[in-house]
Amino acid sequence: MDEAIAPLVREWLSKATHDLQAARILGRTPDGPLDVAIFHCQQAAEKVLKGWFTASDIAFEKTHDIRRLVLSAQDLEPEFARFATAAEILTPYASAYRYPGVTQDPMPSREEFVAALQHAQSIYDFVLDLLPVQARP
C-alpha cells in the first residue's frame, strides 16, 4: 500500500470503528433507538469496504449499496463473496428506518439489530485482516 494513502485509509477505518461503537452504545441502551443503531451497522460496513478500496488503490462507486461494493471487491479478492448475504441484509439499512413511511415497522427488532451488528463486525474484521498494520486506526 502506498504510504501516501495510509492516512486516508485510517480515516475510513476510524469512521467505520466509530459507527460500530455508536451501534453498540445505542444497542445497549434498554430503550435505545435501534433504528439509528442499525443504520450505523450499515455505515460501518460501507466505510470499511471503502477503506479497503482506498488501500488497494481502486476507485469505488459512490454508493450506499454494500451489495455492489462487495461484488466489486470480490473481483480482486474472491473471499469477499462470503459476505454476499451480509451485504444483502445490511444494504437496506442505509435508508429503511431513516425516513417515515419507508417500512411498515418504525423500529427494527432487537434480533434484527443484533444480526446486523454481527454482519457489520464480520466484514470489518475481514477487511482489517487484509490490510497492513500501518493502515489500521
C-alpha atoms as a PDB file:
ATOM      1  CA  MET A   1       0.000   0.000   0.000  1.00  0.00           C
ATOM      2  CA  ASP A   2       1.207   3.459  -0.907  1.00  0.00           C
ATOM      3  CA  GLU A   3       2.294   5.331   2.238  1.00  0.00           C
ATOM      4  CA  ALA A   4       0.668   8.497   0.923  1.00  0.00           C
ATOM      5  CA  ILE A   5      -2.810   6.968   1.140  1.00  0.00           C
ATOM      6  CA  ALA A   6      -2.369   5.304   4.540  1.00  0.00           C
ATOM      7  CA  PRO A   7      -3.778   8.336   6.431  1.00  0.00           C
ATOM      8  CA  LEU A   8      -6.913   8.331   4.269  1.00  0.00           C
ATOM      9  CA  VAL A   9      -7.348   4.592   4.776  1.00  0.00           C
ATOM     10  CA  ARG A  10      -7.025   5.086   8.546  1.00  0.00           C
ATOM     11  CA  GLU A  11      -9.705   7.796   8.355  1.00  0.00           C
ATOM     12  CA  TRP A  12     -12.116   5.434   6.596  1.00  0.00           C
ATOM     13  CA  LEU A  13     -11.404   2.727   9.157  1.00  0.00           C
ATOM     14  CA  SER A  14     -11.705   5.128  12.088  1.00  0.00           C
ATOM     15  CA  LYS A  15     -15.104   6.248  10.840  1.00  0.00           C
ATOM     16  CA  ALA A  16     -16.139   2.591  10.483  1.00  0.00           C
ATOM     17  CA  THR A  17     -14.892   1.920  14.023  1.00  0.00           C
ATOM     18  CA  HIS A  18     -16.901   4.862  15.332  1.00  0.00           C
ATOM     19  CA  ASP A  19     -20.024   3.604  13.575  1.00  0.00           C
ATOM     20  CA  LEU A  20     -19.601   0.193  15.218  1.00  0.00           C
ATOM     21  CA  GLN A  21     -19.068   1.858  18.598  1.00  0.00           C
ATOM     22  CA  ALA A  22     -22.154   4.028  18.138  1.00  0.00           C
ATOM     23  CA  ALA A  23     -24.240   0.995  17.169  1.00  0.00           C
ATOM     24  CA  ARG A  24     -23.086  -0.893  20.273  1.00  0.00           C
ATOM     25  CA  ILE A  25     -23.720   2.032  22.616  1.00  0.00           C
ATOM     26  CA  LEU A  26     -27.195   2.639  21.207  1.00  0.00           C
ATOM     27  CA  GLY A  27     -27.946  -1.085  21.206  1.00  0.00           C
ATOM     28  CA  ARG A  28     -27.017  -1.470  24.883  1.00  0.00           C
ATOM     29  CA  THR A  29     -29.450   1.210  25.978  1.00  0.00           C
ATOM     30  CA  PRO A  30     -32.651  -0.543  27.145  1.00  0.00           C
ATOM     31  CA  ASP A  31     -34.910   1.756  25.142  1.00  0.00           C
ATOM     32  CA  GLY A  32     -32.201   2.815  22.709  1.00  0.00           C
ATOM     33  CA  PRO A  33     -33.125   3.891  19.195  1.00  0.00           C
ATOM     34  CA  LEU A  34     -32.456   0.676  17.291  1.00  0.00           C
ATOM     35  CA  ASP A  35     -33.361   2.435  14.044  1.00  0.00           C
ATOM     36  CA  VAL A  36     -30.306   4.647  14.468  1.00  0.00           C
ATOM     37  CA  ALA A  37     -28.150   1.780  15.752  1.00  0.00           C
ATOM     38  CA  ILE A  38     -28.907  -0.407  12.728  1.00  0.00           C
ATOM     39  CA  PHE A  39     -28.105   2.492  10.390  1.00  0.00           C
ATOM     40  CA  HIS A  40     -24.656   2.677  11.981  1.00  0.00           C
ATOM     41  CA  CYS A  41     -24.167  -1.039  11.266  1.00  0.00           C
ATOM     42  CA  GLN A  42     -24.751  -0.387   7.570  1.00  0.00           C
ATOM     43  CA  GLN A  43     -22.453   2.625   7.678  1.00  0.00           C
ATOM     44  CA  ALA A  44     -19.640   0.682   9.340  1.00  0.00           C
ATOM     45  CA  ALA A  45     -19.686  -1.986   6.634  1.00  0.00           C
ATOM     46  CA  GLU A  46     -19.850   0.593   3.873  1.00  0.00           C
ATOM     47  CA  LYS A  47     -16.946   2.636   5.246  1.00  0.00           C
ATOM     48  CA  VAL A  48     -14.648  -0.286   5.937  1.00  0.00           C
ATOM     49  CA  LEU A  49     -15.199  -1.539   2.373  1.00  0.00           C
ATOM     50  CA  LYS A  50     -14.413   1.912   1.004  1.00  0.00           C
ATOM     51  CA  GLY A  51     -11.296   1.937   3.163  1.00  0.00           C
ATOM     52  CA  TRP A  52     -10.218  -1.367   1.601  1.00  0.00           C
ATOM     53  CA  PHE A  53     -10.780   0.036  -1.903  1.00  0.00           C
ATOM     54  CA  THR A  54      -8.724   3.087  -0.979  1.00  0.00           C
ATOM     55  CA  ALA A  55      -5.907   0.935   0.403  1.00  0.00           C
ATOM     56  CA  SER A  56      -5.997  -1.171  -2.768  1.00  0.00           C
ATOM     57  CA  ASP A  57      -5.841   1.995  -4.899  1.00  0.00           C
ATOM     58  CA  ILE A  58      -9.128   1.116  -6.587  1.00  0.00           C
ATOM     59  CA  ALA A  59     -11.691   3.747  -7.445  1.00  0.00           C
ATOM     60  CA  PHE A  60     -15.041   2.866  -5.946  1.00  0.00           C
ATOM     61  CA  GLU A  61     -18.557   3.832  -6.769  1.00  0.00           C
ATOM     62  CA  LYS A  62     -20.158   6.472  -4.568  1.00  0.00           C
ATOM     63  CA  THR A  63     -22.967   4.321  -3.284  1.00  0.00           C
ATOM     64  CA  HIS A  64     -24.543   3.123  -0.062  1.00  0.00           C
ATOM     65  CA  ASP A  65     -25.203  -0.256  -1.694  1.00  0.00           C
ATOM     66  CA  ILE A  66     -22.993  -2.717   0.154  1.00  0.00           C
ATOM     67  CA  ARG A  67     -24.059  -5.454  -2.285  1.00  0.00           C
ATOM     68  CA  ARG A  68     -22.454  -3.562  -5.147  1.00  0.00           C
ATOM     69  CA  LEU A  69     -19.333  -2.802  -3.133  1.00  0.00           C
ATOM     70  CA  VAL A  70     -18.906  -6.464  -2.174  1.00  0.00           C
ATOM     71  CA  LEU A  71     -19.398  -7.554  -5.791  1.00  0.00           C
ATOM     72  CA  SER A  72     -16.708  -5.105  -6.902  1.00  0.00           C
ATOM     73  CA  ALA A  73     -14.376  -6.161  -4.100  1.00  0.00           C
ATOM     74  CA  GLN A  74     -14.656  -9.854  -4.915  1.00  0.00           C
ATOM     75  CA  ASP A  75     -13.281  -9.162  -8.394  1.00  0.00           C
ATOM     76  CA  LEU A  76      -9.925  -8.506  -6.700  1.00  0.00           C
ATOM     77  CA  GLU A  77     -10.351 -10.617  -3.567  1.00  0.00           C
ATOM     78  CA  PRO A  78     -12.684 -13.599  -4.181  1.00  0.00           C
ATOM     79  CA  GLU A  79     -13.111 -14.198  -0.424  1.00  0.00           C
ATOM     80  CA  PHE A  80     -15.415 -11.156  -0.301  1.00  0.00           C
ATOM     81  CA  ALA A  81     -18.046 -13.410  -1.891  1.00  0.00           C
ATOM     82  CA  ARG A  82     -18.723 -14.906   1.527  1.00  0.00           C
ATOM     83  CA  PHE A  83     -20.290 -11.582   2.539  1.00  0.00           C
ATOM     84  CA  ALA A  84     -22.971 -11.590  -0.166  1.00  0.00           C
ATOM     85  CA  THR A  85     -25.721 -12.450   2.321  1.00  0.00           C
ATOM     86  CA  ALA A  86     -24.479  -9.928   4.891  1.00  0.00           C
ATOM     87  CA  ALA A  87     -24.393  -7.254   2.184  1.00  0.00           C
ATOM     88  CA  GLU A  88     -27.926  -8.146   1.141  1.00  0.00           C
ATOM     89  CA  ILE A  89     -29.114  -7.761   4.734  1.00  0.00           C
ATOM     90  CA  LEU A  90     -27.198  -4.568   5.549  1.00  0.00           C
ATOM     91  CA  THR A  91     -27.782  -2.545   2.376  1.00  0.00           C
ATOM     92  CA  PRO A  92     -31.420  -1.550   3.058  1.00  0.00           C
ATOM     93  CA  TYR A  93     -30.480  -0.120   6.462  1.00  0.00           C
ATOM     94  CA  ALA A  94     -28.948   2.899   4.725  1.00  0.00           C
ATOM     95  CA  SER A  95     -32.485   4.222   4.432  1.00  0.00           C
ATOM     96  CA  ALA A  96     -35.078   1.685   5.666  1.00  0.00           C
ATOM     97  CA  TYR A  97     -35.546   3.137   9.134  1.00  0.00           C
ATOM     98  CA  ARG A  98     -34.222   6.620   8.425  1.00  0.00           C
ATOM     99  CA  TYR A  99     -37.365   8.114   6.923  1.00  0.00           C
ATOM    100  CA  PRO A 100     -41.068   7.862   7.740  1.00  0.00           C
ATOM    101  CA  GLY A 101     -43.206   5.647   5.546  1.00  0.00           C
ATOM    102  CA  VAL A 102     -40.352   3.558   4.131  1.00  0.00           C
ATOM    103  CA  THR A 103     -41.031   0.460   6.259  1.00  0.00           C
ATOM    104  CA  GLN A 104     -44.119  -0.894   7.965  1.00  0.00           C
ATOM    105  CA  ASP A 105     -42.362  -1.061  11.307  1.00  0.00           C
ATOM    106  CA  PRO A 106     -40.809   2.162  12.577  1.00  0.00           C
ATOM    107  CA  MET A 107     -38.212   0.237  14.595  1.00  0.00           C
ATOM    108  CA  PRO A 108     -36.133  -2.869  13.847  1.00  0.00           C
ATOM    109  CA  SER A 109     -36.378  -5.766  16.265  1.00  0.00           C
ATOM    110  CA  ARG A 110     -33.616  -6.457  18.750  1.00  0.00           C
ATOM    111  CA  GLU A 111     -32.806  -9.681  16.827  1.00  0.00           C
ATOM    112  CA  GLU A 112     -32.573  -7.779  13.549  1.00  0.00           C
ATOM    113  CA  PHE A 113     -30.185  -5.273  15.125  1.00  0.00           C
ATOM    114  CA  VAL A 114     -28.004  -7.993  16.679  1.00  0.00           C
ATOM    115  CA  ALA A 115     -27.733  -9.778  13.317  1.00  0.00           C
ATOM    116  CA  ALA A 116     -26.845  -6.514  11.560  1.00  0.00           C
ATOM    117  CA  LEU A 117     -24.150  -5.766  14.123  1.00  0.00           C
ATOM    118  CA  GLN A 118     -22.659  -9.236  13.689  1.00  0.00           C
ATOM    119  CA  HIS A 119     -22.628  -8.853   9.897  1.00  0.00           C
ATOM    120  CA  ALA A 120     -21.000  -5.432  10.068  1.00  0.00           C
ATOM    121  CA  GLN A 121     -18.403  -6.664  12.552  1.00  0.00           C
ATOM    122  CA  SER A 122     -17.529  -9.693  10.413  1.00  0.00           C
ATOM    123  CA  ILE A 123     -16.960  -7.523   7.324  1.00  0.00           C
ATOM    124  CA  TYR A 124     -14.909  -5.088   9.411  1.00  0.00           C
ATOM    125  CA  ASP A 125     -12.751  -7.866  10.886  1.00  0.00           C
ATOM    126  CA  PHE A 126     -12.189  -9.452   7.477  1.00  0.00           C
ATOM    127  CA  VAL A 127     -11.057  -6.176   5.926  1.00  0.00           C
ATOM    128  CA  LEU A 128      -8.759  -5.376   8.834  1.00  0.00           C
ATOM    129  CA  ASP A 129      -7.085  -8.767   8.408  1.00  0.00           C
ATOM    130  CA  LEU A 130      -6.415  -7.934   4.755  1.00  0.00           C
ATOM    131  CA  LEU A 131      -4.771  -4.594   5.465  1.00  0.00           C
ATOM    132  CA  PRO A 132      -1.233  -3.883   6.598  1.00  0.00           C
ATOM    133  CA  VAL A 133      -0.746  -2.685  10.166  1.00  0.00           C
ATOM    134  CA  GLN A 134       0.129   0.869   9.076  1.00  0.00           C
ATOM    135  CA  ALA A 135      -3.337   1.239   7.556  1.00  0.00           C
ATOM    136  CA  ARG A 136      -5.199   0.340  10.732  1.00  0.00           C
ATOM    137  CA  PRO A 137      -6.625   3.002  13.030  1.00  0.00           C
END
